[in-house]
Amino acid sequence: MSPLGLLSAGEKAEVMEIRIPKVSLNKSVKDQTCHAEDMGLRAGKVVEMLNNGGGGPILLKINESRIAISRGIAMRVMVKRITS
């Protein structure tokens, strides 16, 4: 497994888990993670990396939707690459 934030554009992967800190001084990390799950980023889903260039948010394709998530959240999402 590796973090979603390390995928290159065009790579596909299955979401294995989203690591949420049990004790966090920063409540917004938990809120952002829950928001990502609300947008469809859940364990078992297949995602495709559309844009992972630079230091800003990343763009993903989940089902037929495109979502942008922060790089910090992307590094908490553990995925298993799908090789063709």
PDB file of N, CA and C in Angstrom:
ATOM      1  N   MET A   1       0.839  -1.184   0.000  1.00  0.00           N
ATOM      2  CA  MET A   1       0.000   0.000   0.000  1.00  0.00           C
ATOM      3  C   MET A   1       0.881   1.243   0.000  1.00  0.00           C
ATOM      4  N   SER A   2       0.345   2.278  -0.599  1.00  0.00           N
ATOM      5  CA  SER A   2       1.052   3.558  -0.603  1.00  0.00           C
ATOM      6  C   SER A   2       0.026   4.683  -0.529  1.00  0.00           C
ATOM      7  N   PRO A   3       0.455   5.889  -0.180  1.00  0.00           N
ATOM      8  CA  PRO A   3      -0.476   7.013  -0.111  1.00  0.00           C
ATOM      9  C   PRO A   3      -0.966   7.427  -1.499  1.00  0.00           C
ATOM     10  N   LEU A   4      -2.213   7.821  -1.564  1.00  0.00           N
ATOM     11  CA  LEU A   4      -2.821   8.284  -2.803  1.00  0.00           C
ATOM     12  C   LEU A   4      -2.040   9.448  -3.398  1.00  0.00           C
ATOM     13  N   GLY A   5      -1.502  10.283  -2.559  1.00  0.00           N
ATOM     14  CA  GLY A   5      -0.765  11.463  -3.024  1.00  0.00           C
ATOM     15  C   GLY A   5       0.496  11.154  -3.807  1.00  0.00           C
ATOM     16  N   LEU A   6       0.936   9.883  -3.828  1.00  0.00           N
ATOM     17  CA  LEU A   6       2.148   9.516  -4.564  1.00  0.00           C
ATOM     18  C   LEU A   6       1.863   8.944  -5.947  1.00  0.00           C
ATOM     19  N   LEU A   7       0.586   8.806  -6.320  1.00  0.00           N
ATOM     20  CA  LEU A   7       0.254   8.300  -7.656  1.00  0.00           C
ATOM     21  C   LEU A   7       0.578   9.351  -8.708  1.00  0.00           C
ATOM     22  N   SER A   8       0.909   8.886  -9.885  1.00  0.00           N
ATOM     23  CA  SER A   8       1.143   9.778 -11.028  1.00  0.00           C
ATOM     24  C   SER A   8      -0.137   9.897 -11.840  1.00  0.00           C
ATOM     25  N   ALA A   9      -0.210  10.940 -12.643  1.00  0.00           N
ATOM     26  CA  ALA A   9      -1.375  11.141 -13.503  1.00  0.00           C
ATOM     27  C   ALA A   9      -1.587   9.918 -14.386  1.00  0.00           C
ATOM     28  N   GLY A  10      -2.827   9.458 -14.471  1.00  0.00           N
ATOM     29  CA  GLY A  10      -3.170   8.306 -15.295  1.00  0.00           C
ATOM     30  C   GLY A  10      -3.186   6.987 -14.535  1.00  0.00           C
ATOM     31  N   GLU A  11      -2.566   6.932 -13.351  1.00  0.00           N
ATOM     32  CA  GLU A  11      -2.563   5.691 -12.575  1.00  0.00           C
ATOM     33  C   GLU A  11      -3.908   5.465 -11.895  1.00  0.00           C
ATOM     34  N   LYS A  12      -4.273   4.186 -11.776  1.00  0.00           N
ATOM     35  CA  LYS A  12      -5.496   3.797 -11.080  1.00  0.00           C
ATOM     36  C   LYS A  12      -5.127   3.001  -9.843  1.00  0.00           C
ATOM     37  N   ALA A  13      -5.975   3.119  -8.820  1.00  0.00           N
ATOM     38  CA  ALA A  13      -5.714   2.403  -7.577  1.00  0.00           C
ATOM     39  C   ALA A  13      -7.027   2.165  -6.843  1.00  0.00           C
ATOM     40  N   GLU A  14      -7.009   1.149  -5.977  1.00  0.00           N
ATOM     41  CA  GLU A  14      -8.153   0.862  -5.121  1.00  0.00           C
ATOM     42  C   GLU A  14      -7.876   1.443  -3.741  1.00  0.00           C
ATOM     43  N   VAL A  15      -8.848   2.146  -3.203  1.00  0.00           N
ATOM     44  CA  VAL A  15      -8.713   2.718  -1.864  1.00  0.00           C
ATOM     45  C   VAL A  15      -8.813   1.590  -0.847  1.00  0.00           C
ATOM     46  N   MET A  16      -7.807   1.489   0.016  1.00  0.00           N
ATOM     47  CA  MET A  16      -7.782   0.448   1.038  1.00  0.00           C
ATOM     48  C   MET A  16      -8.267   0.971   2.395  1.00  0.00           C
ATOM     49  N   GLU A  17      -7.812   2.149   2.770  1.00  0.00           N
ATOM     50  CA  GLU A  17      -8.235   2.746   4.036  1.00  0.00           C
ATOM     51  C   GLU A  17      -7.909   4.225   4.048  1.00  0.00           C
ATOM     52  N   ILE A  18      -8.618   4.936   4.914  1.00  0.00           N
ATOM     53  CA  ILE A  18      -8.327   6.350   5.145  1.00  0.00           C
ATOM     54  C   ILE A  18      -7.891   6.462   6.589  1.00  0.00           C
ATOM     55  N   ARG A  19      -6.678   6.897   6.788  1.00  0.00           N
ATOM     56  CA  ARG A  19      -6.112   6.984   8.134  1.00  0.00           C
ATOM     57  C   ARG A  19      -6.460   8.330   8.763  1.00  0.00           C
ATOM     58  N   ILE A  20      -7.262   8.259   9.800  1.00  0.00           N
ATOM     59  CA  ILE A  20      -7.654   9.458  10.534  1.00  0.00           C
ATOM     60  C   ILE A  20      -6.955   9.416  11.880  1.00  0.00           C
ATOM     61  N   PRO A  21      -6.254  10.480  12.249  1.00  0.00           N
ATOM     62  CA  PRO A  21      -5.597  10.470  13.551  1.00  0.00           C
ATOM     63  C   PRO A  21      -6.615  10.328  14.674  1.00  0.00           C
ATOM     64  N   LYS A  22      -6.345   9.437  15.622  1.00  0.00           N
ATOM     65  CA  LYS A  22      -7.275   9.220  16.734  1.00  0.00           C
ATOM     66  C   LYS A  22      -7.349  10.445  17.626  1.00  0.00           C
ATOM     67  N   VAL A  23      -6.202  11.041  17.898  1.00  0.00           N
ATOM     68  CA  VAL A  23      -6.169  12.260  18.697  1.00  0.00           C
ATOM     69  C   VAL A  23      -5.574  13.338  17.817  1.00  0.00           C
ATOM     70  N   SER A  24      -6.387  14.327  17.532  1.00  0.00           N
ATOM     71  CA  SER A  24      -5.910  15.393  16.660  1.00  0.00           C
ATOM     72  C   SER A  24      -6.222  16.739  17.283  1.00  0.00           C
ATOM     73  N   LEU A  25      -5.223  17.586  17.344  1.00  0.00           N
ATOM     74  CA  LEU A  25      -5.448  18.940  17.819  1.00  0.00           C
ATOM     75  C   LEU A  25      -6.123  19.768  16.738  1.00  0.00           C
ATOM     76  N   ASN A  26      -6.054  19.268  15.500  1.00  0.00           N
ATOM     77  CA  ASN A  26      -6.593  19.990  14.358  1.00  0.00           C
ATOM     78  C   ASN A  26      -7.896  19.326  13.911  1.00  0.00           C
ATOM     79  N   LYS A  27      -9.025  19.859  14.349  1.00  0.00           N
ATOM     80  CA  LYS A  27     -10.327  19.277  14.028  1.00  0.00           C
ATOM     81  C   LYS A  27     -10.606  19.312  12.525  1.00  0.00           C
ATOM     82  N   SER A  28     -10.014  20.270  11.816  1.00  0.00           N
ATOM     83  CA  SER A  28     -10.290  20.399  10.385  1.00  0.00           C
ATOM     84  C   SER A  28      -9.795  19.186   9.594  1.00  0.00           C
ATOM     85  N   VAL A  29      -8.765  18.471  10.082  1.00  0.00           N
ATOM     86  CA  VAL A  29      -8.288  17.271   9.388  1.00  0.00           C
ATOM     87  C   VAL A  29      -9.391  16.222   9.373  1.00  0.00           C
ATOM     88  N   LYS A  30     -10.045  16.008  10.511  1.00  0.00           N
ATOM     89  CA  LYS A  30     -11.148  15.049  10.580  1.00  0.00           C
ATOM     90  C   LYS A  30     -12.310  15.507   9.709  1.00  0.00           C
ATOM     91  N   ASP A  31     -12.622  16.812   9.733  1.00  0.00           N
ATOM     92  CA  ASP A  31     -13.709  17.346   8.919  1.00  0.00           C
ATOM     93  C   ASP A  31     -13.429  17.168   7.431  1.00  0.00           C
ATOM     94  N   GLN A  32     -12.192  17.437   7.001  1.00  0.00           N
ATOM     95  CA  GLN A  32     -11.830  17.283   5.593  1.00  0.00           C
ATOM     96  C   GLN A  32     -11.907  15.820   5.174  1.00  0.00           C
ATOM     97  N   THR A  33     -11.482  14.916   6.061  1.00  0.00           N
ATOM     98  CA  THR A  33     -11.522  13.491   5.754  1.00  0.00           C
ATOM     99  C   THR A  33     -12.965  13.037   5.596  1.00  0.00           C
ATOM    100  N   CYS A  34     -13.835  13.468   6.492  1.00  0.00           N
ATOM    101  CA  CYS A  34     -15.255  13.115   6.385  1.00  0.00           C
ATOM    102  C   CYS A  34     -15.845  13.681   5.101  1.00  0.00           C
ATOM    103  N   HIS A  35     -15.429  14.883   4.733  1.00  0.00           N
ATOM    104  CA  HIS A  35     -15.927  15.488   3.491  1.00  0.00           C
ATOM    105  C   HIS A  35     -15.469  14.685   2.279  1.00  0.00           C
ATOM    106  N   ALA A  36     -14.237  14.208   2.296  1.00  0.00           N
ATOM    107  CA  ALA A  36     -13.736  13.373   1.194  1.00  0.00           C
ATOM    108  C   ALA A  36     -14.556  12.092   1.090  1.00  0.00           C
ATOM    109  N   GLU A  37     -14.894  11.487   2.226  1.00  0.00           N
ATOM    110  CA  GLU A  37     -15.731  10.285   2.214  1.00  0.00           C
ATOM    111  C   GLU A  37     -17.117  10.610   1.675  1.00  0.00           C
ATOM    112  N   ASP A  38     -17.655  11.757   2.032  1.00  0.00           N
ATOM    113  CA  ASP A  38     -18.967  12.168   1.525  1.00  0.00           C
ATOM    114  C   ASP A  38     -18.954  12.334   0.006  1.00  0.00           C
ATOM    115  N   MET A  39     -17.801  12.686  -0.561  1.00  0.00           N
ATOM    116  CA  MET A  39     -17.691  12.856  -2.014  1.00  0.00           C
ATOM    117  C   MET A  39     -17.442  11.535  -2.740  1.00  0.00           C
ATOM    118  N   GLY A  40     -17.343  10.436  -1.982  1.00  0.00           N
ATOM    119  CA  GLY A  40     -17.194   9.129  -2.617  1.00  0.00           C
ATOM    120  C   GLY A  40     -15.850   8.470  -2.442  1.00  0.00           C
ATOM    121  N   LEU A  41     -14.937   9.108  -1.760  1.00  0.00           N
ATOM    122  CA  LEU A  41     -13.598   8.546  -1.551  1.00  0.00           C
ATOM    123  C   LEU A  41     -13.656   7.615  -0.342  1.00  0.00           C
ATOM    124  N   ARG A  42     -13.942   6.315  -0.608  1.00  0.00           N
ATOM    125  CA  ARG A  42     -14.130   5.325   0.456  1.00  0.00           C
ATOM    126  C   ARG A  42     -13.343   4.061   0.135  1.00  0.00           C
ATOM    127  N   ALA A  43     -13.129   3.257   1.166  1.00  0.00           N
ATOM    128  CA  ALA A  43     -12.455   1.967   0.983  1.00  0.00           C
ATOM    129  C   ALA A  43     -13.226   1.130  -0.026  1.00  0.00           C
ATOM    130  N   GLY A  44     -12.494   0.492  -0.943  1.00  0.00           N
ATOM    131  CA  GLY A  44     -13.088  -0.350  -1.970  1.00  0.00           C
ATOM    132  C   GLY A  44     -13.314   0.356  -3.295  1.00  0.00           C
ATOM    133  N   LYS A  45     -13.296   1.674  -3.307  1.00  0.00           N
ATOM    134  CA  LYS A  45     -13.505   2.431  -4.544  1.00  0.00           C
ATOM    135  C   LYS A  45     -12.229   2.454  -5.375  1.00  0.00           C
ATOM    136  N   VAL A  46     -12.407   2.435  -6.692  1.00  0.00           N
ATOM    137  CA  VAL A  46     -11.280   2.573  -7.610  1.00  0.00           C
ATOM    138  C   VAL A  46     -11.223   4.038  -8.041  1.00  0.00           C
ATOM    139  N   VAL A  47     -10.037   4.611  -7.931  1.00  0.00           N
ATOM    140  CA  VAL A  47      -9.834   6.006  -8.308  1.00  0.00           C
ATOM    141  C   VAL A  47      -8.788   6.088  -9.404  1.00  0.00           C
ATOM    142  N   GLU A  48      -8.878   7.139 -10.190  1.00  0.00           N
ATOM    143  CA  GLU A  48      -7.862   7.419 -11.212  1.00  0.00           C
ATOM    144  C   GLU A  48      -7.303   8.803 -10.944  1.00  0.00           C
ATOM    145  N   MET A  49      -5.992   8.907 -10.903  1.00  0.00           N
ATOM    146  CA  MET A  49      -5.338  10.197 -10.687  1.00  0.00           C
ATOM    147  C   MET A  49      -5.385  10.981 -11.996  1.00  0.00           C
ATOM    148  N   LEU A  50      -5.975  12.159 -11.955  1.00  0.00           N
ATOM    149  CA  LEU A  50      -6.050  12.994 -13.154  1.00  0.00           C
ATOM    150  C   LEU A  50      -4.950  14.042 -13.169  1.00  0.00           C
ATOM    151  N   ASN A  51      -4.675  14.642 -12.003  1.00  0.00           N
ATOM    152  CA  ASN A  51      -3.645  15.679 -11.949  1.00  0.00           C
ATOM    153  C   ASN A  51      -2.990  15.666 -10.576  1.00  0.00           C
ATOM    154  N   ASN A  52      -1.688  15.476 -10.570  1.00  0.00           N
ATOM    155  CA  ASN A  52      -0.934  15.473  -9.323  1.00  0.00           C
ATOM    156  C   ASN A  52       0.357  16.263  -9.507  1.00  0.00           C
ATOM    157  N   GLY A  53       0.241  17.389 -10.148  1.00  0.00           N
ATOM    158  CA  GLY A  53       1.429  18.207 -10.386  1.00  0.00           C
ATOM    159  C   GLY A  53       1.458  19.399  -9.462  1.00  0.00           C
ATOM    160  N   GLY A  54       2.610  19.706  -8.948  1.00  0.00           N
ATOM    161  CA  GLY A  54       2.742  20.873  -8.089  1.00  0.00           C
ATOM    162  C   GLY A  54       2.416  20.568  -6.647  1.00  0.00           C
ATOM    163  N   GLY A  55       2.299  21.615  -5.855  1.00  0.00           N
ATOM    164  CA  GLY A  55       2.094  21.438  -4.427  1.00  0.00           C
ATOM    165  C   GLY A  55       0.671  21.663  -3.965  1.00  0.00           C
ATOM    166  N   GLY A  56      -0.252  21.914  -4.872  1.00  0.00           N
ATOM    167  CA  GLY A  56      -1.630  22.191  -4.479  1.00  0.00           C
ATOM    168  C   GLY A  56      -2.484  20.945  -4.409  1.00  0.00           C
ATOM    169  N   PRO A  57      -3.802  21.122  -4.508  1.00  0.00           N
ATOM    170  CA  PRO A  57      -4.714  19.985  -4.445  1.00  0.00           C
ATOM    171  C   PRO A  57      -4.517  19.029  -5.618  1.00  0.00           C
ATOM    172  N   ILE A  58      -4.994  17.803  -5.432  1.00  0.00           N
ATOM    173  CA  ILE A  58      -4.919  16.818  -6.511  1.00  0.00           C
ATOM    174  C   ILE A  58      -6.318  16.600  -7.068  1.00  0.00           C
ATOM    175  N   LEU A  59      -6.384  16.184  -8.320  1.00  0.00           N
ATOM    176  CA  LEU A  59      -7.659  15.954  -8.991  1.00  0.00           C
ATOM    177  C   LEU A  59      -7.798  14.463  -9.271  1.00  0.00           C
ATOM    178  N   LEU A  60      -8.926  13.892  -8.822  1.00  0.00           N
ATOM    179  CA  LEU A  60      -9.194  12.460  -8.957  1.00  0.00           C
ATOM    180  C   LEU A  60     -10.466  12.215  -9.733  1.00  0.00           C
ATOM    181  N   LYS A  61     -10.541  11.032 -10.337  1.00  0.00           N
ATOM    182  CA  LYS A  61     -11.786  10.578 -10.945  1.00  0.00           C
ATOM    183  C   LYS A  61     -12.271   9.383 -10.129  1.00  0.00           C
ATOM    184  N   ILE A  62     -13.500   9.478  -9.631  1.00  0.00           N
ATOM    185  CA  ILE A  62     -14.143   8.392  -8.894  1.00  0.00           C
ATOM    186  C   ILE A  62     -15.477   8.158  -9.579  1.00  0.00           C
ATOM    187  N   ASN A  63     -15.685   6.932 -10.053  1.00  0.00           N
ATOM    188  CA  ASN A  63     -16.851   6.621 -10.884  1.00  0.00           C
ATOM    189  C   ASN A  63     -16.842   7.583 -12.062  1.00  0.00           C
ATOM    190  N   GLU A  64     -17.853   8.381 -12.221  1.00  0.00           N
ATOM    191  CA  GLU A  64     -17.888   9.357 -13.322  1.00  0.00           C
ATOM    192  C   GLU A  64     -17.709  10.778 -12.813  1.00  0.00           C
ATOM    193  N   SER A  65     -17.321  10.929 -11.557  1.00  0.00           N
ATOM    194  CA  SER A  65     -17.146  12.251 -10.953  1.00  0.00           C
ATOM    195  C   SER A  65     -15.675  12.601 -10.852  1.00  0.00           C
ATOM    196  N   ARG A  66     -15.419  13.886 -10.841  1.00  0.00           N
ATOM    197  CA  ARG A  66     -14.073  14.389 -10.611  1.00  0.00           C
ATOM    198  C   ARG A  66     -14.109  15.183  -9.316  1.00  0.00           C
ATOM    199  N   ILE A  67     -13.147  14.905  -8.427  1.00  0.00           N
ATOM    200  CA  ILE A  67     -13.085  15.638  -7.176  1.00  0.00           C
ATOM    201  C   ILE A  67     -11.663  16.131  -6.948  1.00  0.00           C
ATOM    202  N   ALA A  68     -11.547  17.234  -6.227  1.00  0.00           N
ATOM    203  CA  ALA A  68     -10.248  17.766  -5.825  1.00  0.00           C
ATOM    204  C   ALA A  68     -10.142  17.616  -4.317  1.00  0.00           C
ATOM    205  N   ILE A  69      -9.005  17.101  -3.858  1.00  0.00           N
ATOM    206  CA  ILE A  69      -8.763  16.995  -2.425  1.00  0.00           C
ATOM    207  C   ILE A  69      -7.390  17.557  -2.113  1.00  0.00           C
ATOM    208  N   SER A  70      -7.212  17.953  -0.873  1.00  0.00           N
ATOM    209  CA  SER A  70      -5.928  18.523  -0.472  1.00  0.00           C
ATOM    210  C   SER A  70      -4.849  17.448  -0.470  1.00  0.00           C
ATOM    211  N   ARG A  71      -3.638  17.885  -0.643  1.00  0.00           N
ATOM    212  CA  ARG A  71      -2.500  16.962  -0.636  1.00  0.00           C
ATOM    213  C   ARG A  71      -2.358  16.294   0.731  1.00  0.00           C
ATOM    214  N   GLY A  72      -2.671  17.016   1.809  1.00  0.00           N
ATOM    215  CA  GLY A  72      -2.595  16.447   3.150  1.00  0.00           C
ATOM    216  C   GLY A  72      -3.547  15.269   3.328  1.00  0.00           C
ATOM    217  N   ILE A  73      -4.773  15.419   2.857  1.00  0.00           N
ATOM    218  CA  ILE A  73      -5.737  14.325   2.939  1.00  0.00           C
ATOM    219  C   ILE A  73      -5.302  13.186   2.021  1.00  0.00           C
ATOM    220  N   ALA A  74      -4.801  13.518   0.833  1.00  0.00           N
ATOM    221  CA  ALA A  74      -4.364  12.484  -0.117  1.00  0.00           C
ATOM    222  C   ALA A  74      -3.256  11.613   0.478  1.00  0.00           C
ATOM    223  N   MET A  75      -2.445  12.176   1.351  1.00  0.00           N
ATOM    224  CA  MET A  75      -1.370  11.399   1.964  1.00  0.00           C
ATOM    225  C   MET A  75      -1.887  10.495   3.088  1.00  0.00           C
ATOM    226  N   ARG A  76      -3.119  10.692   3.532  1.00  0.00           N
ATOM    227  CA  ARG A  76      -3.739   9.839   4.551  1.00  0.00           C
ATOM    228  C   ARG A  76      -4.561   8.707   3.938  1.00  0.00           C
ATOM    229  N   VAL A  77      -4.796   8.776   2.630  1.00  0.00           N
ATOM    230  CA  VAL A  77      -5.578   7.746   1.940  1.00  0.00           C
ATOM    231  C   VAL A  77      -4.616   6.695   1.402  1.00  0.00           C
ATOM    232  N   MET A  78      -4.727   5.483   1.913  1.00  0.00           N
ATOM    233  CA  MET A  78      -3.842   4.400   1.498  1.00  0.00           C
ATOM    234  C   MET A  78      -4.503   3.620   0.362  1.00  0.00           C
ATOM    235  N   VAL A  79      -3.743   3.400  -0.714  1.00  0.00           N
ATOM    236  CA  VAL A  79      -4.275   2.745  -1.914  1.00  0.00           C
ATOM    237  C   VAL A  79      -3.383   1.589  -2.351  1.00  0.00           C
ATOM    238  N   LYS A  80      -3.956   0.731  -3.168  1.00  0.00           N
ATOM    239  CA  LYS A  80      -3.215  -0.351  -3.805  1.00  0.00           C
ATOM    240  C   LYS A  80      -3.294  -0.118  -5.304  1.00  0.00           C
ATOM    241  N   ARG A  81      -2.128   0.083  -5.924  1.00  0.00           N
ATOM    242  CA  ARG A  81      -2.099   0.362  -7.366  1.00  0.00           C
ATOM    243  C   ARG A  81      -2.689  -0.800  -8.165  1.00  0.00           C
ATOM    244  N   ILE A  82      -3.379  -0.445  -9.244  1.00  0.00           N
ATOM    245  CA  ILE A  82      -3.925  -1.437 -10.172  1.00  0.00           C
ATOM    246  C   ILE A  82      -3.048  -1.421 -11.411  1.00  0.00           C
ATOM    247  N   THR A  83      -2.454  -2.558 -11.708  1.00  0.00           N
ATOM    248  CA  THR A  83      -1.607  -2.649 -12.895  1.00  0.00           C
ATOM    249  C   THR A  83      -2.407  -3.279 -14.024  1.00  0.00           C
ATOM    250  N   SER A  84      -2.226  -2.740 -15.220  1.00  0.00           N
ATOM    251  CA  SER A  84      -2.982  -3.245 -16.367  1.00  0.00           C
ATOM    252  C   SER A  84      -2.253  -4.380 -17.043  1.00  0.00           C
TER     253      SER A  84
END
